[in-house]
Amino acid sequence: MRAKKRLRVLADEIHCCNGTVVDIGADHGQLCKMLIDENRAKFAIATDVSKNSLQKTVELVKNNNLQNFIETRVGDGLEVVNPGEADVIVIAGMGGYEIIKILSSSNQNVYGKASIVLQPVQNVKELRLFLIENGFTIYKDFVVKDKNKFYNTIVTKFVNTNQELTNQQIEFGLTNFDLQSEDFKDYLKLSIERCEDVLASNRFNENARVKINMAKQILNNMQK
């Protein structure tokens, strides 16, 4: 079965064959299985705040004889992860504010040395601002289109230094400008359409107007 593009993107950003990956909000556990099958991780810890949701992973592990490679833990965010245990932390499939809550309420000793891969489903700009203002550095930040939905993937790490990004990078992602993918072009066009809908109902919305101008400028530069 072909992996969903959004999961494929997450897996491709993880390279720690001798390390441990922690998947926060693992739900069905497919990402953990993919990482073990492809030798991208030596061990995976799948967590979820919902015992019922995590049961899907429990069954996946049992059915594929992965008990020695994937451990499941029920808990909220990173509270069930021990300091220094994770080489890579994945937090995907939840809103930007929820990811902010998880990171801001966690001990730095838990995530301080880990590479962190995020895939928020909304409030991406707010998440970027939180990261660069709280000691994290963003190394990759790009969008992919999967079945007419857009997913932003952010690779970051806590380095205790505040990163400076341009307004365009904060709004649309650091590395999209280098990749200039067709997915990014479609994402910009959709952003323009949505902001135009906002202006149609409230022509005084300055944020929407600024975002439209920014997106159009980026598109024009990409087409030159």
C-alpha atoms as a PDB file:
ATOM      1  CA  MET A   1       0.000   0.000   0.000  1.00  0.00           C
ATOM      2  CA  ARG A   2       1.400   3.405  -0.999  1.00  0.00           C
ATOM      3  CA  ALA A   3       2.123   5.631   1.964  1.00  0.00           C
ATOM      4  CA  LYS A   4       0.250   8.897   2.162  1.00  0.00           C
ATOM      5  CA  LYS A   5       2.381  11.717   0.825  1.00  0.00           C
ATOM      6  CA  ARG A   6       2.299  13.603   4.121  1.00  0.00           C
ATOM      7  CA  LEU A   7       3.655  10.526   5.955  1.00  0.00           C
ATOM      8  CA  ARG A   8       6.229   9.936   3.236  1.00  0.00           C
ATOM      9  CA  VAL A   9       7.489  13.484   3.718  1.00  0.00           C
ATOM     10  CA  LEU A  10       7.785  13.006   7.482  1.00  0.00           C
ATOM     11  CA  ALA A  11       9.682   9.755   7.086  1.00  0.00           C
ATOM     12  CA  ASP A  12      12.071  11.263   4.543  1.00  0.00           C
ATOM     13  CA  GLU A  13      13.148  13.895   7.095  1.00  0.00           C
ATOM     14  CA  ILE A  14      14.235  11.265   9.627  1.00  0.00           C
ATOM     15  CA  HIS A  15      17.701   9.733   9.419  1.00  0.00           C
ATOM     16  CA  CYS A  16      18.799   8.137  12.694  1.00  0.00           C
ATOM     17  CA  CYS A  17      19.341   4.455  11.957  1.00  0.00           C
ATOM     18  CA  ASN A  18      20.876   3.822  15.379  1.00  0.00           C
ATOM     19  CA  GLY A  19      18.540   6.112  17.299  1.00  0.00           C
ATOM     20  CA  THR A  20      15.079   6.386  18.796  1.00  0.00           C
ATOM     21  CA  VAL A  21      12.157   8.282  17.282  1.00  0.00           C
ATOM     22  CA  VAL A  22       9.241   9.421  19.426  1.00  0.00           C
ATOM     23  CA  ASP A  23       5.951  10.009  17.586  1.00  0.00           C
ATOM     24  CA  ILE A  24       3.635  12.217  19.641  1.00  0.00           C
ATOM     25  CA  GLY A  25      -0.014  11.620  18.792  1.00  0.00           C
ATOM     26  CA  ALA A  26       0.874   8.475  16.850  1.00  0.00           C
ATOM     27  CA  ASP A  27      -2.732   7.292  16.487  1.00  0.00           C
ATOM     28  CA  HIS A  28      -2.520   4.471  13.894  1.00  0.00           C
ATOM     29  CA  GLY A  29       1.263   4.049  14.202  1.00  0.00           C
ATOM     30  CA  GLN A  30       1.933   3.869  10.463  1.00  0.00           C
ATOM     31  CA  LEU A  31       4.812   6.341  10.632  1.00  0.00           C
ATOM     32  CA  CYS A  32       6.608   4.315  13.319  1.00  0.00           C
ATOM     33  CA  LYS A  33       6.215   1.144  11.272  1.00  0.00           C
ATOM     34  CA  MET A  34       7.532   2.906   8.176  1.00  0.00           C
ATOM     35  CA  LEU A  35      10.613   4.141  10.025  1.00  0.00           C
ATOM     36  CA  ILE A  36      11.425   0.672  11.354  1.00  0.00           C
ATOM     37  CA  ASP A  37      10.735  -1.069   8.036  1.00  0.00           C
ATOM     38  CA  GLU A  38      13.016   1.359   6.186  1.00  0.00           C
ATOM     39  CA  ASN A  39      15.751   1.230   8.837  1.00  0.00           C
ATOM     40  CA  ARG A  40      15.376   4.955   9.486  1.00  0.00           C
ATOM     41  CA  ALA A  41      15.175   4.308  13.224  1.00  0.00           C
ATOM     42  CA  LYS A  42      16.428   1.560  15.500  1.00  0.00           C
ATOM     43  CA  PHE A  43      13.513   1.983  17.906  1.00  0.00           C
ATOM     44  CA  ALA A  44      10.270   3.949  17.976  1.00  0.00           C
ATOM     45  CA  ILE A  45       8.033   5.125  20.806  1.00  0.00           C
ATOM     46  CA  ALA A  46       4.434   5.811  19.827  1.00  0.00           C
ATOM     47  CA  THR A  47       2.443   7.993  22.222  1.00  0.00           C
ATOM     48  CA  ASP A  48      -1.095   9.296  22.282  1.00  0.00           C
ATOM     49  CA  VAL A  49      -3.255  11.004  24.875  1.00  0.00           C
ATOM     50  CA  SER A  50      -6.103   8.649  23.902  1.00  0.00           C
ATOM     51  CA  LYS A  51      -5.793   5.005  24.891  1.00  0.00           C
ATOM     52  CA  ASN A  52      -8.440   4.079  22.317  1.00  0.00           C
ATOM     53  CA  SER A  53      -6.577   5.822  19.504  1.00  0.00           C
ATOM     54  CA  LEU A  54      -3.270   4.238  20.501  1.00  0.00           C
ATOM     55  CA  GLN A  55      -4.910   0.806  20.421  1.00  0.00           C
ATOM     56  CA  LYS A  56      -4.575   0.977  16.615  1.00  0.00           C
ATOM     57  CA  THR A  57      -0.808   1.118  17.060  1.00  0.00           C
ATOM     58  CA  VAL A  58      -0.873  -1.678  19.634  1.00  0.00           C
ATOM     59  CA  GLU A  59      -2.663  -3.909  17.132  1.00  0.00           C
ATOM     60  CA  LEU A  60      -0.339  -2.846  14.299  1.00  0.00           C
ATOM     61  CA  VAL A  61       2.713  -3.748  16.382  1.00  0.00           C
ATOM     62  CA  LYS A  62       1.260  -7.127  17.352  1.00  0.00           C
ATOM     63  CA  ASN A  63       0.124  -8.028  13.826  1.00  0.00           C
ATOM     64  CA  ASN A  64       3.552  -7.219  12.372  1.00  0.00           C
ATOM     65  CA  ASN A  65       5.672  -8.728  15.180  1.00  0.00           C
ATOM     66  CA  LEU A  66       7.267  -5.369  15.975  1.00  0.00           C
ATOM     67  CA  GLN A  67       7.173  -5.670  19.766  1.00  0.00           C
ATOM     68  CA  ASN A  68      10.969  -5.393  19.970  1.00  0.00           C
ATOM     69  CA  PHE A  69      11.029  -2.247  17.852  1.00  0.00           C
ATOM     70  CA  ILE A  70       7.970  -0.153  18.753  1.00  0.00           C
ATOM     71  CA  GLU A  71       6.773   0.715  22.252  1.00  0.00           C
ATOM     72  CA  THR A  72       3.418   2.372  22.957  1.00  0.00           C
ATOM     73  CA  ARG A  73       2.768   4.837  25.785  1.00  0.00           C
ATOM     74  CA  VAL A  74      -0.440   6.626  26.762  1.00  0.00           C
ATOM     75  CA  GLY A  75       0.139  10.201  27.872  1.00  0.00           C
ATOM     76  CA  ASP A  76      -0.214  13.883  27.135  1.00  0.00           C
ATOM     77  CA  GLY A  77       2.471  15.354  24.885  1.00  0.00           C
ATOM     78  CA  LEU A  78       6.043  14.764  25.971  1.00  0.00           C
ATOM     79  CA  GLU A  79       5.205  13.968  29.593  1.00  0.00           C
ATOM     80  CA  VAL A  80       5.771  10.231  28.985  1.00  0.00           C
ATOM     81  CA  VAL A  81       9.199  10.754  27.389  1.00  0.00           C
ATOM     82  CA  ASN A  82      12.333  10.626  29.503  1.00  0.00           C
ATOM     83  CA  PRO A  83      15.130  13.217  29.239  1.00  0.00           C
ATOM     84  CA  GLY A  84      17.632  12.277  26.530  1.00  0.00           C
ATOM     85  CA  GLU A  85      15.505   9.360  25.344  1.00  0.00           C
ATOM     86  CA  ALA A  86      14.576  10.774  21.946  1.00  0.00           C
ATOM     87  CA  ASP A  87      16.941  11.363  19.046  1.00  0.00           C
ATOM     88  CA  VAL A  88      14.045  12.592  16.904  1.00  0.00           C
ATOM     89  CA  ILE A  89      10.630  13.848  18.014  1.00  0.00           C
ATOM     90  CA  VAL A  90       7.708  13.955  15.593  1.00  0.00           C
ATOM     91  CA  ILE A  91       4.562  15.954  16.339  1.00  0.00           C
ATOM     92  CA  ALA A  92       2.080  15.831  13.469  1.00  0.00           C
ATOM     93  CA  GLY A  93      -1.632  15.886  12.775  1.00  0.00           C
ATOM     94  CA  MET A  94      -2.591  18.580  15.292  1.00  0.00           C
ATOM     95  CA  GLY A  95      -2.942  22.359  15.323  1.00  0.00           C
ATOM     96  CA  GLY A  96      -0.093  24.795  15.746  1.00  0.00           C
ATOM     97  CA  TYR A  97      -1.379  25.999  19.115  1.00  0.00           C
ATOM     98  CA  GLU A  98      -1.515  22.436  20.414  1.00  0.00           C
ATOM     99  CA  ILE A  99       2.091  21.883  19.321  1.00  0.00           C
ATOM    100  CA  ILE A 100       3.080  25.140  21.039  1.00  0.00           C
ATOM    101  CA  LYS A 101       1.374  23.921  24.216  1.00  0.00           C
ATOM    102  CA  ILE A 102       3.254  20.620  24.093  1.00  0.00           C
ATOM    103  CA  LEU A 103       6.657  22.241  23.595  1.00  0.00           C
ATOM    104  CA  SER A 104       6.147  25.105  26.040  1.00  0.00           C
ATOM    105  CA  SER A 105       4.948  22.782  28.823  1.00  0.00           C
ATOM    106  CA  SER A 106       7.783  20.281  28.395  1.00  0.00           C
ATOM    107  CA  ASN A 107      11.154  20.091  30.110  1.00  0.00           C
ATOM    108  CA  GLN A 108      13.993  21.236  27.835  1.00  0.00           C
ATOM    109  CA  ASN A 109      15.931  18.146  28.900  1.00  0.00           C
ATOM    110  CA  VAL A 110      13.383  16.035  27.019  1.00  0.00           C
ATOM    111  CA  TYR A 111      13.676  17.725  23.630  1.00  0.00           C
ATOM    112  CA  GLY A 112      16.878  19.753  24.027  1.00  0.00           C
ATOM    113  CA  LYS A 113      19.164  17.463  22.021  1.00  0.00           C
ATOM    114  CA  ALA A 114      16.577  16.024  19.660  1.00  0.00           C
ATOM    115  CA  SER A 115      15.793  16.927  16.098  1.00  0.00           C
ATOM    116  CA  ILE A 116      12.112  17.894  15.954  1.00  0.00           C
ATOM    117  CA  VAL A 117       9.861  17.328  12.947  1.00  0.00           C
ATOM    118  CA  LEU A 118       6.515  19.117  13.025  1.00  0.00           C
ATOM    119  CA  GLN A 119       3.531  18.923  10.700  1.00  0.00           C
ATOM    120  CA  PRO A 120       0.806  21.281  11.978  1.00  0.00           C
ATOM    121  CA  VAL A 121      -2.612  21.233  10.341  1.00  0.00           C
ATOM    122  CA  GLN A 122      -3.377  24.896  11.113  1.00  0.00           C
ATOM    123  CA  ASN A 123      -1.949  28.044  12.755  1.00  0.00           C
ATOM    124  CA  VAL A 124       1.408  27.430  11.077  1.00  0.00           C
ATOM    125  CA  LYS A 125       2.486  31.077  11.179  1.00  0.00           C
ATOM    126  CA  GLU A 126       1.866  31.245  14.927  1.00  0.00           C
ATOM    127  CA  LEU A 127       3.941  28.101  15.394  1.00  0.00           C
ATOM    128  CA  ARG A 128       6.838  29.563  13.399  1.00  0.00           C
ATOM    129  CA  LEU A 129       6.768  32.706  15.526  1.00  0.00           C
ATOM    130  CA  PHE A 130       6.794  30.652  18.720  1.00  0.00           C
ATOM    131  CA  LEU A 131       9.773  28.615  17.543  1.00  0.00           C
ATOM    132  CA  ILE A 132      12.007  31.504  16.506  1.00  0.00           C
ATOM    133  CA  GLU A 133      11.130  33.509  19.614  1.00  0.00           C
ATOM    134  CA  ASN A 134      11.798  30.645  22.041  1.00  0.00           C
ATOM    135  CA  GLY A 135      15.249  29.382  21.149  1.00  0.00           C
ATOM    136  CA  PHE A 136      14.424  27.016  18.279  1.00  0.00           C
ATOM    137  CA  THR A 137      16.051  27.214  14.852  1.00  0.00           C
ATOM    138  CA  ILE A 138      14.097  26.186  11.760  1.00  0.00           C
ATOM    139  CA  TYR A 139      16.250  24.316   9.236  1.00  0.00           C
ATOM    140  CA  LYS A 140      13.611  23.212   6.751  1.00  0.00           C
ATOM    141  CA  ASP A 141      10.045  24.425   6.305  1.00  0.00           C
ATOM    142  CA  PHE A 142       8.087  23.460   3.214  1.00  0.00           C
ATOM    143  CA  VAL A 143       4.612  22.581   2.014  1.00  0.00           C
ATOM    144  CA  VAL A 144       3.315  19.509   0.177  1.00  0.00           C
ATOM    145  CA  LYS A 145      -0.067  18.804  -1.358  1.00  0.00           C
ATOM    146  CA  ASP A 146      -1.730  15.496  -0.533  1.00  0.00           C
ATOM    147  CA  LYS A 147      -5.200  14.796  -1.941  1.00  0.00           C
ATOM    148  CA  ASN A 148      -6.015  18.509  -2.311  1.00  0.00           C
ATOM    149  CA  LYS A 149      -4.903  19.310   1.235  1.00  0.00           C
ATOM    150  CA  PHE A 150      -1.726  21.173   2.110  1.00  0.00           C
ATOM    151  CA  TYR A 151       0.677  20.073   4.818  1.00  0.00           C
ATOM    152  CA  ASN A 152       3.516  22.214   6.153  1.00  0.00           C
ATOM    153  CA  THR A 153       6.508  20.268   7.445  1.00  0.00           C
ATOM    154  CA  ILE A 154       8.966  22.029   9.776  1.00  0.00           C
ATOM    155  CA  VAL A 155      12.319  20.560  10.811  1.00  0.00           C
ATOM    156  CA  THR A 156      13.675  22.367  13.860  1.00  0.00           C
ATOM    157  CA  LYS A 157      15.867  22.017  16.942  1.00  0.00           C
ATOM    158  CA  PHE A 158      16.261  23.835  20.221  1.00  0.00           C
ATOM    159  CA  VAL A 159      19.579  25.706  20.170  1.00  0.00           C
ATOM    160  CA  ASN A 160      18.730  28.440  22.699  1.00  0.00           C
ATOM    161  CA  THR A 161      19.220  31.189  20.108  1.00  0.00           C
ATOM    162  CA  ASN A 162      16.458  33.297  18.587  1.00  0.00           C
ATOM    163  CA  GLN A 163      16.361  32.983  14.801  1.00  0.00           C
ATOM    164  CA  GLU A 164      15.570  35.903  12.508  1.00  0.00           C
ATOM    165  CA  LEU A 165      13.257  35.309   9.552  1.00  0.00           C
ATOM    166  CA  THR A 166      11.735  37.673   7.012  1.00  0.00           C
ATOM    167  CA  ASN A 167       8.000  38.368   7.044  1.00  0.00           C
ATOM    168  CA  GLN A 168       7.654  36.225   3.917  1.00  0.00           C
ATOM    169  CA  GLN A 169       9.464  33.295   5.549  1.00  0.00           C
ATOM    170  CA  ILE A 170       7.303  33.569   8.659  1.00  0.00           C
ATOM    171  CA  GLU A 171       4.153  33.636   6.560  1.00  0.00           C
ATOM    172  CA  PHE A 172       5.012  31.025   3.918  1.00  0.00           C
ATOM    173  CA  GLY A 173       7.911  28.892   5.161  1.00  0.00           C
ATOM    174  CA  LEU A 174      11.693  29.131   5.072  1.00  0.00           C
ATOM    175  CA  THR A 175      12.664  26.684   2.326  1.00  0.00           C
ATOM    176  CA  ASN A 176       9.668  26.954   0.009  1.00  0.00           C
ATOM    177  CA  PHE A 177      11.454  29.824  -1.703  1.00  0.00           C
ATOM    178  CA  ASP A 178      14.411  27.625  -2.598  1.00  0.00           C
ATOM    179  CA  LEU A 179      12.358  24.593  -3.635  1.00  0.00           C
ATOM    180  CA  GLN A 180       9.819  26.584  -5.712  1.00  0.00           C
ATOM    181  CA  SER A 181       7.679  23.456  -6.068  1.00  0.00           C
ATOM    182  CA  GLU A 182       4.370  23.203  -7.873  1.00  0.00           C
ATOM    183  CA  ASP A 183       2.790  22.399  -4.507  1.00  0.00           C
ATOM    184  CA  PHE A 184       4.049  25.731  -3.170  1.00  0.00           C
ATOM    185  CA  LYS A 185       2.634  27.589  -6.178  1.00  0.00           C
ATOM    186  CA  ASP A 186      -0.752  25.962  -5.598  1.00  0.00           C
ATOM    187  CA  TYR A 187      -0.508  26.835  -1.893  1.00  0.00           C
ATOM    188  CA  LEU A 188       0.124  30.495  -2.737  1.00  0.00           C
ATOM    189  CA  LYS A 189      -2.812  30.573  -5.155  1.00  0.00           C
ATOM    190  CA  LEU A 190      -5.107  29.057  -2.532  1.00  0.00           C
ATOM    191  CA  SER A 191      -3.879  31.589   0.036  1.00  0.00           C
ATOM    192  CA  ILE A 192      -4.762  34.407  -2.357  1.00  0.00           C
ATOM    193  CA  GLU A 193      -8.240  32.965  -2.987  1.00  0.00           C
ATOM    194  CA  ARG A 194      -8.971  32.603   0.723  1.00  0.00           C
ATOM    195  CA  CYS A 195      -7.767  36.106   1.519  1.00  0.00           C
ATOM    196  CA  GLU A 196      -9.852  37.513  -1.320  1.00  0.00           C
ATOM    197  CA  ASP A 197     -12.893  35.798   0.204  1.00  0.00           C
ATOM    198  CA  VAL A 198     -12.059  37.479   3.523  1.00  0.00           C
ATOM    199  CA  LEU A 199     -11.782  40.878   1.833  1.00  0.00           C
ATOM    200  CA  ALA A 200     -15.084  40.321   0.069  1.00  0.00           C
ATOM    201  CA  SER A 201     -16.808  40.190   3.436  1.00  0.00           C
ATOM    202  CA  ASN A 202     -14.510  42.678   5.181  1.00  0.00           C
ATOM    203  CA  ARG A 203     -12.603  44.963   2.841  1.00  0.00           C
ATOM    204  CA  PHE A 204     -10.835  46.601   5.793  1.00  0.00           C
ATOM    205  CA  ASN A 205      -8.998  43.401   6.797  1.00  0.00           C
ATOM    206  CA  GLU A 206      -5.401  44.615   6.477  1.00  0.00           C
ATOM    207  CA  ASN A 207      -3.865  41.236   7.285  1.00  0.00           C
ATOM    208  CA  ALA A 208      -5.610  39.619   4.326  1.00  0.00           C
ATOM    209  CA  ARG A 209      -4.570  42.456   2.037  1.00  0.00           C
ATOM    210  CA  VAL A 210      -0.919  42.183   3.109  1.00  0.00           C
ATOM    211  CA  LYS A 211      -0.930  38.407   2.651  1.00  0.00           C
ATOM    212  CA  ILE A 212      -2.399  38.712  -0.851  1.00  0.00           C
ATOM    213  CA  ASN A 213       0.257  41.215  -1.907  1.00  0.00           C
ATOM    214  CA  MET A 214       2.986  39.057  -0.406  1.00  0.00           C
ATOM    215  CA  ALA A 215       1.760  35.892  -2.139  1.00  0.00           C
ATOM    216  CA  LYS A 216       1.377  37.629  -5.500  1.00  0.00           C
ATOM    217  CA  GLN A 217       4.879  39.064  -5.256  1.00  0.00           C
ATOM    218  CA  ILE A 218       6.328  35.610  -4.517  1.00  0.00           C
ATOM    219  CA  LEU A 219       4.438  34.081  -7.459  1.00  0.00           C
ATOM    220  CA  ASN A 220       5.658  36.803  -9.797  1.00  0.00           C
ATOM    221  CA  ASN A 221       9.255  36.252  -8.696  1.00  0.00           C
ATOM    222  CA  MET A 222       8.919  32.491  -9.216  1.00  0.00           C
ATOM    223  CA  GLN A 223       7.617  32.960 -12.763  1.00  0.00           C
ATOM    224  CA  LYS A 224      10.490  35.190 -13.891  1.00  0.00           C
END
